[in-house]
Amino acid sequence: GQVRGLCGTFNGDQRDEFTTPDGDVEPGAAAFANAFRAAGACPALGPGIPDPCDGFPGNRERAEAACAALLGPAFQ
């Protein structure tokens, strides 16, 4: 009952992992993240999760190579 925030509640119940600072449980990641957003600090997230490579197009090839290792046979 003492852990809460962006890392979840850590109580084994996945239904309440998106609990906001106000105690509401959000159904999706974007609404949950927006609840922790500092007003004016950054734009609110839309309903979809943005592709992280869009912000850093020069790193896409390196990121895809790193992800390939995680998606490969060693982690299946």
PDB file of N, CA and C in Angstrom:
ATOM      1  N   GLY A   1       0.788  -1.204   0.000  1.00  0.00           N
ATOM      2  CA  GLY A   1       0.000   0.000   0.000  1.00  0.00           C
ATOM      3  C   GLY A   1       0.824   1.259   0.000  1.00  0.00           C
ATOM      4  N   GLN A   2       2.150   1.156  -0.128  1.00  0.00           N
ATOM      5  CA  GLN A   2       2.973   2.356  -0.071  1.00  0.00           C
ATOM      6  C   GLN A   2       3.620   2.722  -1.403  1.00  0.00           C
ATOM      7  N   VAL A   3       3.604   1.802  -2.364  1.00  0.00           N
ATOM      8  CA  VAL A   3       4.231   2.067  -3.653  1.00  0.00           C
ATOM      9  C   VAL A   3       3.156   2.495  -4.644  1.00  0.00           C
ATOM     10  N   ARG A   4       3.421   3.591  -5.377  1.00  0.00           N
ATOM     11  CA  ARG A   4       2.471   4.091  -6.358  1.00  0.00           C
ATOM     12  C   ARG A   4       3.212   5.023  -7.300  1.00  0.00           C
ATOM     13  N   GLY A   5       2.765   5.092  -8.536  1.00  0.00           N
ATOM     14  CA  GLY A   5       3.381   6.016  -9.480  1.00  0.00           C
ATOM     15  C   GLY A   5       3.656   5.365 -10.805  1.00  0.00           C
ATOM     16  N   LEU A   6       4.622   5.927 -11.532  1.00  0.00           N
ATOM     17  CA  LEU A   6       4.918   5.447 -12.869  1.00  0.00           C
ATOM     18  C   LEU A   6       5.431   4.013 -12.880  1.00  0.00           C
ATOM     19  N   CYS A   7       5.928   3.516 -11.775  1.00  0.00           N
ATOM     20  CA  CYS A   7       6.407   2.128 -11.713  1.00  0.00           C
ATOM     21  C   CYS A   7       5.306   1.166 -11.279  1.00  0.00           C
ATOM     22  N   GLY A   8       4.112   1.631 -11.049  1.00  0.00           N
ATOM     23  CA  GLY A   8       3.001   0.765 -10.666  1.00  0.00           C
ATOM     24  C   GLY A   8       2.827   0.681  -9.156  1.00  0.00           C
ATOM     25  N   THR A   9       1.948  -0.217  -8.740  1.00  0.00           N
ATOM     26  CA  THR A   9       1.632  -0.358  -7.320  1.00  0.00           C
ATOM     27  C   THR A   9       2.403  -1.487  -6.654  1.00  0.00           C
ATOM     28  N   PHE A  10       2.939  -2.403  -7.442  1.00  0.00           N
ATOM     29  CA  PHE A  10       3.740  -3.528  -6.970  1.00  0.00           C
ATOM     30  C   PHE A  10       2.994  -4.359  -5.934  1.00  0.00           C
ATOM     31  N   ASN A  11       1.705  -4.582  -6.200  1.00  0.00           N
ATOM     32  CA  ASN A  11       0.912  -5.396  -5.280  1.00  0.00           C
ATOM     33  C   ASN A  11       0.437  -6.700  -5.917  1.00  0.00           C
ATOM     34  N   GLY A  12       0.910  -6.998  -7.127  1.00  0.00           N
ATOM     35  CA  GLY A  12       0.525  -8.224  -7.808  1.00  0.00           C
ATOM     36  C   GLY A  12      -0.791  -8.144  -8.560  1.00  0.00           C
ATOM     37  N   ASP A  13      -1.498  -7.039  -8.459  1.00  0.00           N
ATOM     38  CA  ASP A  13      -2.780  -6.862  -9.137  1.00  0.00           C
ATOM     39  C   ASP A  13      -2.580  -5.919 -10.319  1.00  0.00           C
ATOM     40  N   GLN A  14      -2.517  -6.475 -11.531  1.00  0.00           N
ATOM     41  CA  GLN A  14      -2.249  -5.652 -12.704  1.00  0.00           C
ATOM     42  C   GLN A  14      -3.389  -4.709 -13.046  1.00  0.00           C
ATOM     43  N   ARG A  15      -4.567  -4.920 -12.503  1.00  0.00           N
ATOM     44  CA  ARG A  15      -5.705  -4.055 -12.822  1.00  0.00           C
ATOM     45  C   ARG A  15      -5.534  -2.642 -12.283  1.00  0.00           C
ATOM     46  N   ASP A  16      -4.682  -2.443 -11.280  1.00  0.00           N
ATOM     47  CA  ASP A  16      -4.523  -1.097 -10.722  1.00  0.00           C
ATOM     48  C   ASP A  16      -3.137  -0.497 -10.978  1.00  0.00           C
ATOM     49  N   GLU A  17      -2.425  -1.022 -11.965  1.00  0.00           N
ATOM     50  CA  GLU A  17      -1.079  -0.521 -12.253  1.00  0.00           C
ATOM     51  C   GLU A  17      -1.088   0.916 -12.769  1.00  0.00           C
ATOM     52  N   PHE A  18      -2.161   1.348 -13.402  1.00  0.00           N
ATOM     53  CA  PHE A  18      -2.234   2.698 -13.933  1.00  0.00           C
ATOM     54  C   PHE A  18      -2.984   3.629 -12.985  1.00  0.00           C
ATOM     55  N   THR A  19      -2.670   3.572 -11.694  1.00  0.00           N
ATOM     56  CA  THR A  19      -3.291   4.457 -10.707  1.00  0.00           C
ATOM     57  C   THR A  19      -2.614   5.825 -10.757  1.00  0.00           C
ATOM     58  N   THR A  20      -3.404   6.874 -10.937  1.00  0.00           N
ATOM     59  CA  THR A  20      -2.890   8.243 -11.064  1.00  0.00           C
ATOM     60  C   THR A  20      -2.635   8.851  -9.684  1.00  0.00           C
ATOM     61  N   PRO A  21      -1.992  10.011  -9.639  1.00  0.00           N
ATOM     62  CA  PRO A  21      -1.776  10.683  -8.357  1.00  0.00           C
ATOM     63  C   PRO A  21      -3.087  11.008  -7.630  1.00  0.00           C
ATOM     64  N   ASP A  22      -4.185  11.162  -8.395  1.00  0.00           N
ATOM     65  CA  ASP A  22      -5.484  11.451  -7.775  1.00  0.00           C
ATOM     66  C   ASP A  22      -6.207  10.190  -7.321  1.00  0.00           C
ATOM     67  N   GLY A  23      -5.607   9.009  -7.572  1.00  0.00           N
ATOM     68  CA  GLY A  23      -6.225   7.759  -7.146  1.00  0.00           C
ATOM     69  C   GLY A  23      -7.121   7.121  -8.186  1.00  0.00           C
ATOM     70  N   ASP A  24      -7.235   7.732  -9.371  1.00  0.00           N
ATOM     71  CA  ASP A  24      -8.031   7.147 -10.450  1.00  0.00           C
ATOM     72  C   ASP A  24      -7.215   6.051 -11.133  1.00  0.00           C
ATOM     73  N   VAL A  25      -7.883   5.061 -11.682  1.00  0.00           N
ATOM     74  CA  VAL A  25      -7.205   4.020 -12.462  1.00  0.00           C
ATOM     75  C   VAL A  25      -7.529   4.264 -13.926  1.00  0.00           C
ATOM     76  N   GLU A  26      -6.498   4.592 -14.704  1.00  0.00           N
ATOM     77  CA  GLU A  26      -6.678   4.878 -16.131  1.00  0.00           C
ATOM     78  C   GLU A  26      -6.633   3.583 -16.931  1.00  0.00           C
ATOM     79  N   PRO A  27      -7.410   3.500 -18.025  1.00  0.00           N
ATOM     80  CA  PRO A  27      -7.437   2.276 -18.820  1.00  0.00           C
ATOM     81  C   PRO A  27      -6.264   2.135 -19.793  1.00  0.00           C
ATOM     82  N   GLY A  28      -5.580   3.233 -20.112  1.00  0.00           N
ATOM     83  CA  GLY A  28      -4.513   3.163 -21.102  1.00  0.00           C
ATOM     84  C   GLY A  28      -3.264   3.912 -20.684  1.00  0.00           C
ATOM     85  N   ALA A  29      -2.158   3.596 -21.355  1.00  0.00           N
ATOM     86  CA  ALA A  29      -0.863   4.174 -21.002  1.00  0.00           C
ATOM     87  C   ALA A  29      -0.800   5.689 -21.232  1.00  0.00           C
ATOM     88  N   ALA A  30      -1.409   6.176 -22.325  1.00  0.00           N
ATOM     89  CA  ALA A  30      -1.324   7.603 -22.632  1.00  0.00           C
ATOM     90  C   ALA A  30      -2.034   8.438 -21.571  1.00  0.00           C
ATOM     91  N   ALA A  31      -3.245   8.061 -21.196  1.00  0.00           N
ATOM     92  CA  ALA A  31      -3.981   8.818 -20.168  1.00  0.00           C
ATOM     93  C   ALA A  31      -3.249   8.747 -18.833  1.00  0.00           C
ATOM     94  N   PHE A  32      -2.668   7.591 -18.531  1.00  0.00           N
ATOM     95  CA  PHE A  32      -1.911   7.435 -17.285  1.00  0.00           C
ATOM     96  C   PHE A  32      -0.697   8.355 -17.278  1.00  0.00           C
ATOM     97  N   ALA A  33       0.074   8.350 -18.370  1.00  0.00           N
ATOM     98  CA  ALA A  33       1.263   9.202 -18.443  1.00  0.00           C
ATOM     99  C   ALA A  33       0.891  10.670 -18.373  1.00  0.00           C
ATOM    100  N   ASN A  34      -0.212  11.061 -19.014  1.00  0.00           N
ATOM    101  CA  ASN A  34      -0.643  12.459 -18.980  1.00  0.00           C
ATOM    102  C   ASN A  34      -1.003  12.904 -17.571  1.00  0.00           C
ATOM    103  N   ALA A  35      -1.435  11.980 -16.718  1.00  0.00           N
ATOM    104  CA  ALA A  35      -1.783  12.338 -15.343  1.00  0.00           C
ATOM    105  C   ALA A  35      -0.552  12.777 -14.557  1.00  0.00           C
ATOM    106  N   PHE A  36       0.635  12.326 -14.965  1.00  0.00           N
ATOM    107  CA  PHE A  36       1.875  12.693 -14.276  1.00  0.00           C
ATOM    108  C   PHE A  36       2.605  13.841 -14.967  1.00  0.00           C
ATOM    109  N   ARG A  37       2.077  14.298 -16.081  1.00  0.00           N
ATOM    110  CA  ARG A  37       2.709  15.360 -16.863  1.00  0.00           C
ATOM    111  C   ARG A  37       2.617  16.686 -16.138  1.00  0.00           C
ATOM    112  N   ALA A  38       3.725  17.404 -16.076  1.00  0.00           N
ATOM    113  CA  ALA A  38       3.730  18.750 -15.507  1.00  0.00           C
ATOM    114  C   ALA A  38       3.112  19.688 -16.539  1.00  0.00           C
ATOM    115  N   ALA A  39       2.112  20.441 -16.150  1.00  0.00           N
ATOM    116  CA  ALA A  39       1.396  21.321 -17.074  1.00  0.00           C
ATOM    117  C   ALA A  39       2.364  22.231 -17.813  1.00  0.00           C
ATOM    118  N   GLY A  40       2.282  22.215 -19.125  1.00  0.00           N
ATOM    119  CA  GLY A  40       3.112  23.086 -19.945  1.00  0.00           C
ATOM    120  C   GLY A  40       4.526  22.577 -20.175  1.00  0.00           C
ATOM    121  N   ALA A  41       4.962  21.546 -19.461  1.00  0.00           N
ATOM    122  CA  ALA A  41       6.332  21.069 -19.603  1.00  0.00           C
ATOM    123  C   ALA A  41       6.541  20.307 -20.910  1.00  0.00           C
ATOM    124  N   CYS A  42       5.518  19.630 -21.364  1.00  0.00           N
ATOM    125  CA  CYS A  42       5.603  18.863 -22.605  1.00  0.00           C
ATOM    126  C   CYS A  42       4.189  18.634 -23.122  1.00  0.00           C
ATOM    127  N   PRO A  43       4.051  18.332 -24.399  1.00  0.00           N
ATOM    128  CA  PRO A  43       2.711  18.117 -24.940  1.00  0.00           C
ATOM    129  C   PRO A  43       2.091  16.833 -24.405  1.00  0.00           C
ATOM    130  N   ALA A  44       0.779  16.828 -24.288  1.00  0.00           N
ATOM    131  CA  ALA A  44       0.070  15.634 -23.837  1.00  0.00           C
ATOM    132  C   ALA A  44       0.178  14.541 -24.896  1.00  0.00           C
ATOM    133  N   LEU A  45       0.246  13.309 -24.445  1.00  0.00           N
ATOM    134  CA  LEU A  45       0.278  12.166 -25.357  1.00  0.00           C
ATOM    135  C   LEU A  45      -1.101  11.945 -25.942  1.00  0.00           C
ATOM    136  N   GLY A  46      -1.127  11.531 -27.186  1.00  0.00           N
ATOM    137  CA  GLY A  46      -2.376  11.167 -27.833  1.00  0.00           C
ATOM    138  C   GLY A  46      -2.716   9.726 -27.485  1.00  0.00           C
ATOM    139  N   PRO A  47      -3.757   9.189 -28.091  1.00  0.00           N
ATOM    140  CA  PRO A  47      -4.177   7.833 -27.747  1.00  0.00           C
ATOM    141  C   PRO A  47      -3.179   6.760 -28.175  1.00  0.00           C
ATOM    142  N   GLY A  48      -2.353   7.035 -29.190  1.00  0.00           N
ATOM    143  CA  GLY A  48      -1.371   6.049 -29.637  1.00  0.00           C
ATOM    144  C   GLY A  48      -0.019   6.297 -29.001  1.00  0.00           C
ATOM    145  N   ILE A  49       0.783   5.265 -28.905  1.00  0.00           N
ATOM    146  CA  ILE A  49       2.139   5.404 -28.376  1.00  0.00           C
ATOM    147  C   ILE A  49       3.045   5.821 -29.538  1.00  0.00           C
ATOM    148  N   PRO A  50       3.787   6.940 -29.389  1.00  0.00           N
ATOM    149  CA  PRO A  50       4.636   7.388 -30.483  1.00  0.00           C
ATOM    150  C   PRO A  50       5.829   6.446 -30.686  1.00  0.00           C
ATOM    151  N   ASP A  51       6.291   6.369 -31.907  1.00  0.00           N
ATOM    152  CA  ASP A  51       7.474   5.570 -32.221  1.00  0.00           C
ATOM    153  C   ASP A  51       8.692   6.337 -31.724  1.00  0.00           C
ATOM    154  N   PRO A  52       9.474   5.786 -30.793  1.00  0.00           N
ATOM    155  CA  PRO A  52      10.620   6.519 -30.247  1.00  0.00           C
ATOM    156  C   PRO A  52      11.672   6.850 -31.306  1.00  0.00           C
ATOM    157  N   CYS A  53      11.724   6.068 -32.377  1.00  0.00           N
ATOM    158  CA  CYS A  53      12.716   6.334 -33.418  1.00  0.00           C
ATOM    159  C   CYS A  53      12.365   7.577 -34.238  1.00  0.00           C
ATOM    160  N   ASP A  54      11.111   8.005 -34.208  1.00  0.00           N
ATOM    161  CA  ASP A  54      10.730   9.203 -34.948  1.00  0.00           C
ATOM    162  C   ASP A  54      11.450  10.438 -34.401  1.00  0.00           C
ATOM    163  N   GLY A  55      11.726  10.461 -33.115  1.00  0.00           N
ATOM    164  CA  GLY A  55      12.419  11.595 -32.508  1.00  0.00           C
ATOM    165  C   GLY A  55      13.919  11.575 -32.746  1.00  0.00           C
ATOM    166  N   PHE A  56      14.461  10.410 -33.053  1.00  0.00           N
ATOM    167  CA  PHE A  56      15.902  10.254 -33.249  1.00  0.00           C
ATOM    168  C   PHE A  56      16.155   9.369 -34.474  1.00  0.00           C
ATOM    169  N   PRO A  57      15.832   9.862 -35.673  1.00  0.00           N
ATOM    170  CA  PRO A  57      15.902   9.016 -36.860  1.00  0.00           C
ATOM    171  C   PRO A  57      17.293   8.454 -37.136  1.00  0.00           C
ATOM    172  N   GLY A  58      18.345   9.129 -36.725  1.00  0.00           N
ATOM    173  CA  GLY A  58      19.700   8.642 -36.957  1.00  0.00           C
ATOM    174  C   GLY A  58      20.046   7.410 -36.137  1.00  0.00           C
ATOM    175  N   ASN A  59      19.275   7.123 -35.107  1.00  0.00           N
ATOM    176  CA  ASN A  59      19.557   5.983 -34.235  1.00  0.00           C
ATOM    177  C   ASN A  59      18.705   4.759 -34.562  1.00  0.00           C
ATOM    178  N   ARG A  60      17.836   4.850 -35.547  1.00  0.00           N
ATOM    179  CA  ARG A  60      16.916   3.750 -35.850  1.00  0.00           C
ATOM    180  C   ARG A  60      17.662   2.445 -36.131  1.00  0.00           C
ATOM    181  N   GLU A  61      18.680   2.488 -36.961  1.00  0.00           N
ATOM    182  CA  GLU A  61      19.400   1.263 -37.326  1.00  0.00           C
ATOM    183  C   GLU A  61      20.036   0.612 -36.099  1.00  0.00           C
ATOM    184  N   ARG A  62      20.658   1.412 -35.253  1.00  0.00           N
ATOM    185  CA  ARG A  62      21.277   0.884 -34.028  1.00  0.00           C
ATOM    186  C   ARG A  62      20.223   0.309 -33.084  1.00  0.00           C
ATOM    187  N   ALA A  63      19.088   0.988 -32.962  1.00  0.00           N
ATOM    188  CA  ALA A  63      18.017   0.517 -32.086  1.00  0.00           C
ATOM    189  C   ALA A  63      17.430  -0.795 -32.604  1.00  0.00           C
ATOM    190  N   GLU A  64      17.237  -0.895 -33.903  1.00  0.00           N
ATOM    191  CA  GLU A  64      16.692  -2.120 -34.470  1.00  0.00           C
ATOM    192  C   GLU A  64      17.646  -3.292 -34.271  1.00  0.00           C
ATOM    193  N   ALA A  65      18.952  -3.049 -34.359  1.00  0.00           N
ATOM    194  CA  ALA A  65      19.935  -4.107 -34.121  1.00  0.00           C
ATOM    195  C   ALA A  65      19.894  -4.560 -32.665  1.00  0.00           C
ATOM    196  N   ALA A  66      19.751  -3.603 -31.736  1.00  0.00           N
ATOM    197  CA  ALA A  66      19.681  -3.955 -30.311  1.00  0.00           C
ATOM    198  C   ALA A  66      18.401  -4.724 -30.011  1.00  0.00           C
ATOM    199  N   CYS A  67      17.300  -4.309 -30.609  1.00  0.00           N
ATOM    200  CA  CYS A  67      16.030  -5.017 -30.391  1.00  0.00           C
ATOM    201  C   CYS A  67      16.056  -6.406 -30.992  1.00  0.00           C
ATOM    202  N   ALA A  68      16.781  -6.579 -32.084  1.00  0.00           N
ATOM    203  CA  ALA A  68      16.869  -7.893 -32.722  1.00  0.00           C
ATOM    204  C   ALA A  68      17.461  -8.906 -31.746  1.00  0.00           C
ATOM    205  N   ALA A  69      18.418  -8.483 -30.934  1.00  0.00           N
ATOM    206  CA  ALA A  69      19.002  -9.393 -29.946  1.00  0.00           C
ATOM    207  C   ALA A  69      17.954  -9.807 -28.915  1.00  0.00           C
ATOM    208  N   LEU A  70      17.097  -8.867 -28.494  1.00  0.00           N
ATOM    209  CA  LEU A  70      16.060  -9.176 -27.508  1.00  0.00           C
ATOM    210  C   LEU A  70      14.960 -10.042 -28.089  1.00  0.00           C
ATOM    211  N   LEU A  71      14.715  -9.905 -29.388  1.00  0.00           N
ATOM    212  CA  LEU A  71      13.673 -10.680 -30.044  1.00  0.00           C
ATOM    213  C   LEU A  71      14.200 -12.003 -30.611  1.00  0.00           C
ATOM    214  N   GLY A  72      15.511 -12.229 -30.482  1.00  0.00           N
ATOM    215  CA  GLY A  72      16.133 -13.422 -31.035  1.00  0.00           C
ATOM    216  C   GLY A  72      15.963 -14.661 -30.167  1.00  0.00           C
ATOM    217  N   PRO A  73      16.572 -15.745 -30.587  1.00  0.00           N
ATOM    218  CA  PRO A  73      16.390 -17.039 -29.924  1.00  0.00           C
ATOM    219  C   PRO A  73      16.881 -17.062 -28.479  1.00  0.00           C
ATOM    220  N   ALA A  74      17.834 -16.247 -28.126  1.00  0.00           N
ATOM    221  CA  ALA A  74      18.353 -16.273 -26.753  1.00  0.00           C
ATOM    222  C   ALA A  74      17.284 -15.900 -25.718  1.00  0.00           C
ATOM    223  N   PHE A  75      16.293 -15.122 -26.123  1.00  0.00           N
ATOM    224  CA  PHE A  75      15.265 -14.668 -25.187  1.00  0.00           C
ATOM    225  C   PHE A  75      13.892 -15.268 -25.450  1.00  0.00           C
ATOM    226  N   GLN A  76      13.837 -16.322 -26.269  1.00  0.00           N
ATOM    227  CA  GLN A  76      12.542 -16.942 -26.549  1.00  0.00           C
ATOM    228  C   GLN A  76      12.239 -18.029 -25.548  1.00  0.00           C
TER     229      GLN A  76
END
